[in-house]
Amino acid sequence: MRRAVFDALGLPGRFPHTSALADAAVARALAEARVLVVDEAQRLPAPCLEYFQSLWDHPSTRITLVLCGAGSERALARLPQLASRVVAWQEVPCLTGAEVASVVTGFHPLWRTVPAPELTWIDQSCAHGTLRTWAAVTAHLQNALLTTSDASVDRALLRRLFKRVAPPL
């Protein structure tokens, strides 16, 4: 986990050869206000969560720690010392059909070029109001547009991308 945080912060140089040196480098970087987002936190073993707690507790760090993932609250229940530091619990529900266009156009500028009826079709065909699925479709679409010179956002391309995001069972 130390290495993952070191790399995520984009710290210069090679990863230190001792945990103490790595922790010092990370703490120096986190003296500047930062937000650390940890997805799939519910899958982390207790030592990893304890590491994040130590970063949060370090006197020189200025971080906001965001632990994401269905079941993260159960993972934190195993570490009451970390759970007691939670300032807010937030559940992100599925988007309603009425919310899709405004939320996804704010989520990524790519969707600002797509008409609202097409966004509704994408949501009904694949995303089903799930922001995580919208993120996956966005990544695949952005990649397709960057790597294929004549690609355009049309239903044929989107159908191909949907198979990558949610393959048929």
Protein backbone atom coordinates (compact mmCIF):
# COMPACT_ATOMS: atom_id res chain seq x y z
CA MET A 1 0.00 0.00 0.00
CA ARG A 2 2.91 2.33 0.71
CA ARG A 3 4.12 1.86 -2.85
CA ALA A 4 0.65 2.49 -4.27
CA VAL A 5 0.30 5.75 -2.33
CA PHE A 6 3.85 6.81 -3.23
CA ASP A 7 3.13 6.21 -6.91
CA ALA A 8 -0.35 7.79 -6.79
CA LEU A 9 1.15 10.96 -5.36
CA GLY A 10 3.64 11.06 -8.22
CA LEU A 11 6.57 11.44 -5.87
CA PRO A 12 9.94 11.89 -7.56
CA GLY A 13 12.73 9.37 -7.46
CA ARG A 14 12.74 5.70 -6.70
CA PHE A 15 10.58 4.13 -4.07
CA PRO A 16 12.58 4.16 -0.79
CA HIS A 17 14.11 0.91 0.40
CA THR A 18 12.65 1.14 3.92
CA SER A 19 9.12 1.71 5.11
CA ALA A 20 10.30 4.57 7.36
CA LEU A 21 11.76 6.45 4.39
CA ALA A 22 8.67 5.79 2.31
CA ASP A 23 6.40 6.99 5.11
CA ALA A 24 8.48 10.16 5.52
CA ALA A 25 8.27 10.93 1.79
CA VAL A 26 4.52 10.36 1.73
CA ALA A 27 3.98 12.46 4.89
CA ARG A 28 5.99 15.34 3.36
CA ALA A 29 3.84 15.20 0.24
CA LEU A 30 0.66 15.07 2.31
CA ALA A 31 1.64 18.19 4.25
CA GLU A 32 -0.02 19.96 1.32
CA ALA A 33 -3.81 19.63 1.46
CA ARG A 34 -4.81 16.59 -0.59
CA VAL A 35 -7.73 14.27 -1.07
CA LEU A 36 -6.96 10.56 -1.14
CA VAL A 37 -9.70 8.51 -2.77
CA VAL A 38 -9.59 4.77 -2.20
CA ASP A 39 -11.99 2.76 -4.31
CA GLU A 40 -13.02 -0.76 -3.34
CA ALA A 41 -12.01 0.02 0.25
CA GLN A 42 -14.16 -2.85 1.47
CA ARG A 43 -11.64 -5.26 -0.06
CA LEU A 44 -8.64 -3.89 1.80
CA PRO A 45 -7.19 -5.93 4.63
CA ALA A 46 -6.97 -4.35 8.07
CA PRO A 47 -3.23 -3.44 7.77
CA CYS A 48 -3.96 -1.32 4.68
CA LEU A 49 -6.79 0.50 6.41
CA GLU A 50 -4.53 1.00 9.42
CA TYR A 51 -1.93 2.53 7.09
CA PHE A 52 -4.50 5.07 5.86
CA GLN A 53 -5.42 5.82 9.45
CA SER A 54 -1.75 6.46 10.23
CA LEU A 55 -1.56 8.91 7.32
CA TRP A 56 -4.68 10.67 8.52
CA ASP A 57 -3.40 10.78 12.12
CA HIS A 58 0.12 11.99 11.23
CA PRO A 59 0.58 15.47 12.72
CA SER A 60 1.94 17.03 9.53
CA THR A 61 -0.52 15.64 6.99
CA ARG A 62 -3.51 17.58 5.70
CA ILE A 63 -5.63 14.98 3.97
CA THR A 64 -9.21 14.15 3.40
CA LEU A 65 -9.60 10.42 3.08
CA VAL A 66 -12.49 9.16 0.95
CA LEU A 67 -13.13 5.43 1.22
CA CYS A 68 -15.47 4.20 -1.52
CA GLY A 69 -17.12 0.90 -2.18
CA ALA A 70 -20.22 -1.02 -1.31
CA GLY A 71 -19.56 -2.54 2.08
CA SER A 72 -16.85 -0.08 3.15
CA GLU A 73 -18.82 0.60 6.31
CA ARG A 74 -18.49 -3.10 7.25
CA ALA A 75 -14.74 -2.98 6.61
CA LEU A 76 -14.45 0.05 8.86
CA ALA A 77 -16.51 -1.64 11.55
CA ARG A 78 -13.55 -4.03 11.96
CA LEU A 79 -11.39 -1.00 12.82
CA PRO A 80 -13.34 1.13 15.29
CA GLN A 81 -10.34 3.46 15.72
CA LEU A 82 -10.64 4.42 12.02
CA ALA A 83 -14.45 4.32 11.93
CA SER A 84 -14.56 6.82 14.79
CA ARG A 85 -12.82 9.36 12.53
CA VAL A 86 -15.52 9.25 9.85
CA VAL A 87 -17.01 12.70 9.49
CA ALA A 88 -19.71 11.78 6.99
CA TRP A 89 -21.18 8.67 5.43
CA GLN A 90 -22.48 9.16 1.93
CA GLU A 91 -24.49 6.78 -0.20
CA VAL A 92 -24.56 7.44 -3.92
CA PRO A 93 -27.85 6.14 -5.27
CA CYS A 94 -28.52 5.33 -8.91
CA LEU A 95 -29.38 8.30 -11.06
CA THR A 96 -32.99 8.74 -12.06
CA GLY A 97 -33.81 9.17 -15.72
CA ALA A 98 -34.44 12.88 -15.10
CA GLU A 99 -30.98 13.31 -13.52
CA VAL A 100 -28.89 11.54 -16.15
CA ALA A 101 -28.35 14.36 -18.64
CA SER A 102 -27.40 17.01 -16.09
CA VAL A 103 -25.19 14.71 -14.04
CA VAL A 104 -23.22 13.08 -16.87
CA THR A 105 -22.67 16.36 -18.72
CA GLY A 106 -21.19 17.71 -15.49
CA PHE A 107 -19.25 14.49 -14.93
CA HIS A 108 -17.30 14.67 -18.20
CA PRO A 109 -17.22 17.27 -21.01
CA LEU A 110 -17.41 14.52 -23.63
CA TRP A 111 -21.10 14.05 -22.82
CA ARG A 112 -21.86 17.75 -23.45
CA THR A 113 -21.65 17.02 -27.18
CA VAL A 114 -24.24 14.23 -27.02
CA PRO A 115 -27.95 15.15 -27.28
CA ALA A 116 -30.08 14.46 -24.20
CA PRO A 117 -32.21 11.78 -25.95
CA GLU A 118 -29.03 9.85 -26.76
CA LEU A 119 -27.89 10.10 -23.13
CA THR A 120 -31.24 8.67 -22.10
CA TRP A 121 -30.79 5.83 -24.60
CA ILE A 122 -27.28 5.10 -23.27
CA ASP A 123 -28.59 5.01 -19.73
CA GLN A 124 -31.52 2.75 -20.61
CA SER A 125 -29.36 0.46 -22.76
CA CYS A 126 -26.34 0.10 -20.53
CA ALA A 127 -25.69 2.36 -17.54
CA HIS A 128 -29.05 2.05 -15.73
CA GLY A 129 -28.31 5.08 -13.59
CA THR A 130 -25.04 3.69 -12.23
CA LEU A 131 -22.29 6.29 -12.19
CA ARG A 132 -19.60 3.59 -12.18
CA THR A 133 -20.97 2.26 -15.48
CA TRP A 134 -21.09 5.78 -16.90
CA ALA A 135 -17.42 6.15 -15.93
CA ALA A 136 -16.54 2.90 -17.73
CA VAL A 137 -18.47 3.90 -20.86
CA THR A 138 -16.78 7.31 -20.75
CA ALA A 139 -13.31 5.76 -20.57
CA HIS A 140 -13.98 3.36 -23.43
CA LEU A 141 -15.58 6.06 -25.58
CA GLN A 142 -12.77 8.50 -24.95
CA ASN A 143 -10.23 5.85 -25.89
CA ALA A 144 -12.13 4.95 -29.08
CA LEU A 145 -12.32 8.60 -30.13
CA LEU A 146 -8.60 9.10 -29.47
CA THR A 147 -7.41 5.96 -31.25
CA THR A 148 -9.71 5.79 -34.28
CA SER A 149 -9.43 8.72 -36.69
CA ASP A 150 -12.94 8.47 -38.12
CA ALA A 151 -14.76 7.51 -34.91
CA SER A 152 -17.85 9.45 -33.96
CA VAL A 153 -20.30 9.07 -31.12
CA ASP A 154 -23.02 6.98 -32.70
CA ARG A 155 -25.13 4.05 -31.62
CA ALA A 156 -23.03 1.50 -33.51
CA LEU A 157 -19.89 2.52 -31.63
CA LEU A 158 -21.75 2.75 -28.34
CA ARG A 159 -23.23 -0.75 -28.77
CA ARG A 160 -19.72 -2.15 -29.27
CA LEU A 161 -18.54 -0.34 -26.15
CA PHE A 162 -21.50 -1.58 -24.11
CA LYS A 163 -20.27 -5.14 -24.72
CA ARG A 164 -16.98 -4.23 -23.03
CA VAL A 165 -18.71 -2.63 -20.08
CA ALA A 166 -21.44 -5.20 -19.55
CA PRO A 167 -20.86 -8.30 -21.69
CA PRO A 168 -23.84 -10.55 -22.27
CA LEU A 169 -24.14 -13.36 -19.74
